[in-house]
Amino acid sequence: MFKYILFDFDGTVVNTGEGILRSLQYSFREMGDEVPTTDDLKKFIGPPVYYSFTHFYSIGEDKVNDYIKKY
């Protein structure tokens, strides 16, 4: 008998990639930025969204929470 069962939900049980990409596109569009290509946005899948906005697109600390709220 097992006491705990661990599984990887995101990307294993359910493919959430399309929803993530569409949410990112919406976020950039709503913030008035050029929307990156879908291929470029794929690097968001995996790392925390805060990290991705600040490191991949240099979104400043003063705006990153606004992007995340749109996301």
PDB file of N, CA and C in Angstrom:
ATOM      1  N   MET A   1       0.839  -1.173   0.000  1.00  0.00           N
ATOM      2  CA  MET A   1       0.000   0.000   0.000  1.00  0.00           C
ATOM      3  C   MET A   1       0.891   1.244   0.000  1.00  0.00           C
ATOM      4  N   PHE A   2       0.488   2.232  -0.775  1.00  0.00           N
ATOM      5  CA  PHE A   2       1.242   3.480  -0.859  1.00  0.00           C
ATOM      6  C   PHE A   2       0.625   4.528   0.059  1.00  0.00           C
ATOM      7  N   LYS A   3       1.482   5.262   0.716  1.00  0.00           N
ATOM      8  CA  LYS A   3       1.007   6.344   1.560  1.00  0.00           C
ATOM      9  C   LYS A   3       0.837   7.623   0.739  1.00  0.00           C
ATOM     10  N   TYR A   4       1.736   7.842  -0.231  1.00  0.00           N
ATOM     11  CA  TYR A   4       1.692   9.033  -1.072  1.00  0.00           C
ATOM     12  C   TYR A   4       1.913   8.635  -2.520  1.00  0.00           C
ATOM     13  N   ILE A   5       1.320   9.388  -3.405  1.00  0.00           N
ATOM     14  CA  ILE A   5       1.551   9.219  -4.836  1.00  0.00           C
ATOM     15  C   ILE A   5       1.893  10.592  -5.395  1.00  0.00           C
ATOM     16  N   LEU A   6       3.015  10.695  -6.047  1.00  0.00           N
ATOM     17  CA  LEU A   6       3.439  11.942  -6.678  1.00  0.00           C
ATOM     18  C   LEU A   6       3.384  11.777  -8.185  1.00  0.00           C
ATOM     19  N   PHE A   7       2.934  12.795  -8.874  1.00  0.00           N
ATOM     20  CA  PHE A   7       2.929  12.754 -10.324  1.00  0.00           C
ATOM     21  C   PHE A   7       3.151  14.150 -10.872  1.00  0.00           C
ATOM     22  N   ASP A   8       3.621  14.213 -12.081  1.00  0.00           N
ATOM     23  CA  ASP A   8       3.858  15.476 -12.768  1.00  0.00           C
ATOM     24  C   ASP A   8       2.617  15.806 -13.582  1.00  0.00           C
ATOM     25  N   PHE A   9       1.812  16.729 -13.092  1.00  0.00           N
ATOM     26  CA  PHE A   9       0.549  17.065 -13.743  1.00  0.00           C
ATOM     27  C   PHE A   9       0.764  17.858 -15.024  1.00  0.00           C
ATOM     28  N   ASP A  10       1.470  18.971 -14.913  1.00  0.00           N
ATOM     29  CA  ASP A  10       1.622  19.907 -16.035  1.00  0.00           C
ATOM     30  C   ASP A  10       2.580  19.354 -17.076  1.00  0.00           C
ATOM     31  N   GLY A  11       2.036  19.051 -18.240  1.00  0.00           N
ATOM     32  CA  GLY A  11       2.855  18.532 -19.325  1.00  0.00           C
ATOM     33  C   GLY A  11       2.887  17.024 -19.394  1.00  0.00           C
ATOM     34  N   THR A  12       2.439  16.361 -18.337  1.00  0.00           N
ATOM     35  CA  THR A  12       2.404  14.903 -18.328  1.00  0.00           C
ATOM     36  C   THR A  12       0.956  14.414 -18.369  1.00  0.00           C
ATOM     37  N   VAL A  13       0.176  14.828 -17.396  1.00  0.00           N
ATOM     38  CA  VAL A  13      -1.227  14.433 -17.341  1.00  0.00           C
ATOM     39  C   VAL A  13      -2.057  15.316 -18.286  1.00  0.00           C
ATOM     40  N   VAL A  14      -1.771  16.598 -18.295  1.00  0.00           N
ATOM     41  CA  VAL A  14      -2.490  17.566 -19.121  1.00  0.00           C
ATOM     42  C   VAL A  14      -1.467  18.436 -19.846  1.00  0.00           C
ATOM     43  N   ASN A  15      -1.687  18.642 -21.134  1.00  0.00           N
ATOM     44  CA  ASN A  15      -0.817  19.531 -21.899  1.00  0.00           C
ATOM     45  C   ASN A  15      -1.359  20.948 -21.795  1.00  0.00           C
ATOM     46  N   THR A  16      -0.730  21.756 -20.970  1.00  0.00           N
ATOM     47  CA  THR A  16      -1.183  23.125 -20.733  1.00  0.00           C
ATOM     48  C   THR A  16      -0.434  24.148 -21.581  1.00  0.00           C
ATOM     49  N   GLY A  17       0.438  23.682 -22.468  1.00  0.00           N
ATOM     50  CA  GLY A  17       1.274  24.579 -23.260  1.00  0.00           C
ATOM     51  C   GLY A  17       0.507  25.613 -24.053  1.00  0.00           C
ATOM     52  N   GLU A  18      -0.564  25.212 -24.725  1.00  0.00           N
ATOM     53  CA  GLU A  18      -1.323  26.163 -25.542  1.00  0.00           C
ATOM     54  C   GLU A  18      -1.932  27.259 -24.680  1.00  0.00           C
ATOM     55  N   GLY A  19      -2.473  26.899 -23.533  1.00  0.00           N
ATOM     56  CA  GLY A  19      -3.048  27.897 -22.636  1.00  0.00           C
ATOM     57  C   GLY A  19      -2.004  28.867 -22.106  1.00  0.00           C
ATOM     58  N   ILE A  20      -0.829  28.355 -21.800  1.00  0.00           N
ATOM     59  CA  ILE A  20       0.266  29.206 -21.326  1.00  0.00           C
ATOM     60  C   ILE A  20       0.659  30.196 -22.418  1.00  0.00           C
ATOM     61  N   LEU A  21       0.845  29.711 -23.634  1.00  0.00           N
ATOM     62  CA  LEU A  21       1.263  30.578 -24.740  1.00  0.00           C
ATOM     63  C   LEU A  21       0.216  31.647 -25.049  1.00  0.00           C
ATOM     64  N   ARG A  22      -1.036  31.268 -25.061  1.00  0.00           N
ATOM     65  CA  ARG A  22      -2.105  32.247 -25.336  1.00  0.00           C
ATOM     66  C   ARG A  22      -2.198  33.289 -24.221  1.00  0.00           C
ATOM     67  N   SER A  23      -2.003  32.869 -22.996  1.00  0.00           N
ATOM     68  CA  SER A  23      -2.021  33.810 -21.878  1.00  0.00           C
ATOM     69  C   SER A  23      -0.857  34.786 -21.952  1.00  0.00           C
ATOM     70  N   LEU A  24       0.287  34.295 -22.362  1.00  0.00           N
ATOM     71  CA  LEU A  24       1.446  35.174 -22.527  1.00  0.00           C
ATOM     72  C   LEU A  24       1.209  36.182 -23.647  1.00  0.00           C
ATOM     73  N   GLN A  25       0.666  35.728 -24.758  1.00  0.00           N
ATOM     74  CA  GLN A  25       0.360  36.635 -25.872  1.00  0.00           C
ATOM     75  C   GLN A  25      -0.599  37.731 -25.408  1.00  0.00           C
ATOM     76  N   TYR A  26      -1.619  37.338 -24.680  1.00  0.00           N
ATOM     77  CA  TYR A  26      -2.585  38.301 -24.149  1.00  0.00           C
ATOM     78  C   TYR A  26      -1.889  39.304 -23.233  1.00  0.00           C
ATOM     79  N   SER A  27      -1.024  38.818 -22.366  1.00  0.00           N
ATOM     80  CA  SER A  27      -0.318  39.679 -21.429  1.00  0.00           C
ATOM     81  C   SER A  27       0.501  40.743 -22.156  1.00  0.00           C
ATOM     82  N   PHE A  28       1.287  40.325 -23.126  1.00  0.00           N
ATOM     83  CA  PHE A  28       2.104  41.289 -23.876  1.00  0.00           C
ATOM     84  C   PHE A  28       1.225  42.287 -24.624  1.00  0.00           C
ATOM     85  N   ARG A  29       0.170  41.790 -25.257  1.00  0.00           N
ATOM     86  CA  ARG A  29      -0.724  42.658 -26.021  1.00  0.00           C
ATOM     87  C   ARG A  29      -1.397  43.680 -25.108  1.00  0.00           C
ATOM     88  N   GLU A  30      -1.908  43.232 -23.973  1.00  0.00           N
ATOM     89  CA  GLU A  30      -2.593  44.121 -23.035  1.00  0.00           C
ATOM     90  C   GLU A  30      -1.658  45.154 -22.414  1.00  0.00           C
ATOM     91  N   MET A  31      -0.392  44.811 -22.302  1.00  0.00           N
ATOM     92  CA  MET A  31       0.584  45.743 -21.743  1.00  0.00           C
ATOM     93  C   MET A  31       1.122  46.698 -22.807  1.00  0.00           C
ATOM     94  N   GLY A  32       0.655  46.537 -24.052  1.00  0.00           N
ATOM     95  CA  GLY A  32       1.045  47.451 -25.123  1.00  0.00           C
ATOM     96  C   GLY A  32       2.363  47.113 -25.774  1.00  0.00           C
ATOM     97  N   ASP A  33       2.831  45.900 -25.592  1.00  0.00           N
ATOM     98  CA  ASP A  33       4.098  45.477 -26.183  1.00  0.00           C
ATOM     99  C   ASP A  33       3.865  44.676 -27.452  1.00  0.00           C
ATOM    100  N   GLU A  34       4.915  44.583 -28.243  1.00  0.00           N
ATOM    101  CA  GLU A  34       4.887  43.679 -29.387  1.00  0.00           C
ATOM    102  C   GLU A  34       4.815  42.256 -28.844  1.00  0.00           C
ATOM    103  N   VAL A  35       3.979  41.447 -29.461  1.00  0.00           N
ATOM    104  CA  VAL A  35       3.814  40.071 -28.996  1.00  0.00           C
ATOM    105  C   VAL A  35       4.907  39.200 -29.612  1.00  0.00           C
ATOM    106  N   PRO A  36       5.726  38.564 -28.771  1.00  0.00           N
ATOM    107  CA  PRO A  36       6.774  37.673 -29.291  1.00  0.00           C
ATOM    108  C   PRO A  36       6.164  36.489 -30.048  1.00  0.00           C
ATOM    109  N   THR A  37       6.966  35.861 -30.866  1.00  0.00           N
ATOM    110  CA  THR A  37       6.499  34.693 -31.610  1.00  0.00           C
ATOM    111  C   THR A  37       6.199  33.551 -30.651  1.00  0.00           C
ATOM    112  N   THR A  38       5.346  32.660 -31.111  1.00  0.00           N
ATOM    113  CA  THR A  38       5.000  31.488 -30.298  1.00  0.00           C
ATOM    114  C   THR A  38       6.247  30.676 -29.977  1.00  0.00           C
ATOM    115  N   ASP A  39       7.119  30.501 -30.964  1.00  0.00           N
ATOM    116  CA  ASP A  39       8.355  29.747 -30.710  1.00  0.00           C
ATOM    117  C   ASP A  39       9.202  30.408 -29.632  1.00  0.00           C
ATOM    118  N   ASP A  40       9.265  31.732 -29.648  1.00  0.00           N
ATOM    119  CA  ASP A  40      10.066  32.434 -28.648  1.00  0.00           C
ATOM    120  C   ASP A  40       9.435  32.314 -27.259  1.00  0.00           C
ATOM    121  N   LEU A  41       8.118  32.315 -27.201  1.00  0.00           N
ATOM    122  CA  LEU A  41       7.436  32.228 -25.909  1.00  0.00           C
ATOM    123  C   LEU A  41       7.525  30.846 -25.277  1.00  0.00           C
ATOM    124  N   LYS A  42       7.880  29.840 -26.055  1.00  0.00           N
ATOM    125  CA  LYS A  42       7.962  28.476 -25.519  1.00  0.00           C
ATOM    126  C   LYS A  42       8.975  28.352 -24.390  1.00  0.00           C
ATOM    127  N   LYS A  43       9.932  29.284 -24.321  1.00  0.00           N
ATOM    128  CA  LYS A  43      10.916  29.219 -23.238  1.00  0.00           C
ATOM    129  C   LYS A  43      10.288  29.530 -21.877  1.00  0.00           C
ATOM    130  N   PHE A  44       9.048  30.052 -21.874  1.00  0.00           N
ATOM    131  CA  PHE A  44       8.331  30.293 -20.626  1.00  0.00           C
ATOM    132  C   PHE A  44       7.847  28.992 -19.997  1.00  0.00           C
ATOM    133  N   ILE A  45       7.676  27.967 -20.811  1.00  0.00           N
ATOM    134  CA  ILE A  45       7.123  26.717 -20.296  1.00  0.00           C
ATOM    135  C   ILE A  45       8.194  26.007 -19.473  1.00  0.00           C
ATOM    136  N   GLY A  46       7.937  25.898 -18.199  1.00  0.00           N
ATOM    137  CA  GLY A  46       8.888  25.251 -17.288  1.00  0.00           C
ATOM    138  C   GLY A  46       9.282  26.162 -16.142  1.00  0.00           C
ATOM    139  N   PRO A  47      10.032  27.247 -16.442  1.00  0.00           N
ATOM    140  CA  PRO A  47      10.465  28.116 -15.338  1.00  0.00           C
ATOM    141  C   PRO A  47       9.291  28.915 -14.757  1.00  0.00           C
ATOM    142  N   PRO A  48       9.458  29.444 -13.556  1.00  0.00           N
ATOM    143  CA  PRO A  48       8.419  30.317 -12.991  1.00  0.00           C
ATOM    144  C   PRO A  48       8.190  31.534 -13.887  1.00  0.00           C
ATOM    145  N   VAL A  49       6.931  31.953 -14.013  1.00  0.00           N
ATOM    146  CA  VAL A  49       6.581  33.044 -14.923  1.00  0.00           C
ATOM    147  C   VAL A  49       7.275  34.357 -14.520  1.00  0.00           C
ATOM    148  N   TYR A  50       7.416  34.605 -13.237  1.00  0.00           N
ATOM    149  CA  TYR A  50       8.105  35.819 -12.769  1.00  0.00           C
ATOM    150  C   TYR A  50       9.539  35.838 -13.313  1.00  0.00           C
ATOM    151  N   TYR A  51      10.227  34.739 -13.161  1.00  0.00           N
ATOM    152  CA  TYR A  51      11.601  34.617 -13.658  1.00  0.00           C
ATOM    153  C   TYR A  51      11.643  34.843 -15.162  1.00  0.00           C
ATOM    154  N   SER A  52      10.720  34.236 -15.885  1.00  0.00           N
ATOM    155  CA  SER A  52      10.730  34.326 -17.345  1.00  0.00           C
ATOM    156  C   SER A  52      10.528  35.760 -17.823  1.00  0.00           C
ATOM    157  N   PHE A  53       9.569  36.463 -17.251  1.00  0.00           N
ATOM    158  CA  PHE A  53       9.347  37.854 -17.652  1.00  0.00           C
ATOM    159  C   PHE A  53      10.570  38.715 -17.357  1.00  0.00           C
ATOM    160  N   THR A  54      11.159  38.549 -16.187  1.00  0.00           N
ATOM    161  CA  THR A  54      12.275  39.419 -15.797  1.00  0.00           C
ATOM    162  C   THR A  54      13.587  39.056 -16.476  1.00  0.00           C
ATOM    163  N   HIS A  55      13.810  37.781 -16.766  1.00  0.00           N
ATOM    164  CA  HIS A  55      15.080  37.370 -17.339  1.00  0.00           C
ATOM    165  C   HIS A  55      15.068  37.251 -18.862  1.00  0.00           C
ATOM    166  N   PHE A  56      13.985  36.760 -19.434  1.00  0.00           N
ATOM    167  CA  PHE A  56      13.944  36.589 -20.880  1.00  0.00           C
ATOM    168  C   PHE A  56      13.561  37.874 -21.613  1.00  0.00           C
ATOM    169  N   TYR A  57      12.777  38.741 -20.958  1.00  0.00           N
ATOM    170  CA  TYR A  57      12.294  39.958 -21.616  1.00  0.00           C
ATOM    171  C   TYR A  57      12.638  41.225 -20.858  1.00  0.00           C
ATOM    172  N   SER A  58      13.444  41.114 -19.831  1.00  0.00           N
ATOM    173  CA  SER A  58      13.922  42.269 -19.058  1.00  0.00           C
ATOM    174  C   SER A  58      12.786  43.171 -18.574  1.00  0.00           C
ATOM    175  N   ILE A  59      11.665  42.569 -18.213  1.00  0.00           N
ATOM    176  CA  ILE A  59      10.571  43.340 -17.629  1.00  0.00           C
ATOM    177  C   ILE A  59      11.020  43.750 -16.231  1.00  0.00           C
ATOM    178  N   GLY A  60      10.938  45.036 -15.945  1.00  0.00           N
ATOM    179  CA  GLY A  60      11.422  45.560 -14.680  1.00  0.00           C
ATOM    180  C   GLY A  60      10.579  45.146 -13.488  1.00  0.00           C
ATOM    181  N   GLU A  61      11.204  45.211 -12.335  1.00  0.00           N
ATOM    182  CA  GLU A  61      10.543  44.864 -11.081  1.00  0.00           C
ATOM    183  C   GLU A  61       9.277  45.706 -10.875  1.00  0.00           C
ATOM    184  N   ASP A  62       9.280  46.929 -11.394  1.00  0.00           N
ATOM    185  CA  ASP A  62       8.137  47.821 -11.211  1.00  0.00           C
ATOM    186  C   ASP A  62       6.932  47.441 -12.072  1.00  0.00           C
ATOM    187  N   LYS A  63       7.129  46.610 -13.112  1.00  0.00           N
ATOM    188  CA  LYS A  63       6.034  46.252 -14.016  1.00  0.00           C
ATOM    189  C   LYS A  63       5.709  44.770 -14.056  1.00  0.00           C
ATOM    190  N   VAL A  64       6.592  43.932 -13.568  1.00  0.00           N
ATOM    191  CA  VAL A  64       6.424  42.499 -13.754  1.00  0.00           C
ATOM    192  C   VAL A  64       5.120  41.984 -13.147  1.00  0.00           C
ATOM    193  N   ASN A  65       4.689  42.508 -12.024  1.00  0.00           N
ATOM    194  CA  ASN A  65       3.437  42.043 -11.426  1.00  0.00           C
ATOM    195  C   ASN A  65       2.224  42.411 -12.275  1.00  0.00           C
ATOM    196  N   ASP A  66       2.311  43.512 -13.016  1.00  0.00           N
ATOM    197  CA  ASP A  66       1.226  43.876 -13.928  1.00  0.00           C
ATOM    198  C   ASP A  66       1.129  42.885 -15.076  1.00  0.00           C
ATOM    199  N   TYR A  67       2.268  42.461 -15.594  1.00  0.00           N
ATOM    200  CA  TYR A  67       2.287  41.439 -16.656  1.00  0.00           C
ATOM    201  C   TYR A  67       1.695  40.123 -16.143  1.00  0.00           C
ATOM    202  N   ILE A  68       2.080  39.768 -14.931  1.00  0.00           N
ATOM    203  CA  ILE A  68       1.591  38.505 -14.350  1.00  0.00           C
ATOM    204  C   ILE A  68       0.089  38.565 -14.118  1.00  0.00           C
ATOM    205  N   LYS A  69      -0.433  39.703 -13.686  1.00  0.00           N
ATOM    206  CA  LYS A  69      -1.873  39.837 -13.496  1.00  0.00           C
ATOM    207  C   LYS A  69      -2.612  39.659 -14.821  1.00  0.00           C
ATOM    208  N   LYS A  70      -2.065  40.201 -15.895  1.00  0.00           N
ATOM    209  CA  LYS A  70      -2.683  40.018 -17.228  1.00  0.00           C
ATOM    210  C   LYS A  70      -2.581  38.562 -17.672  1.00  0.00           C
ATOM    211  N   TYR A  71      -1.468  37.955 -17.354  1.00  0.00           N
ATOM    212  CA  TYR A  71      -1.240  36.555 -17.719  1.00  0.00           C
ATOM    213  C   TYR A  71      -2.269  35.664 -17.103  1.00  0.00           C
TER     214      TYR A  71
END
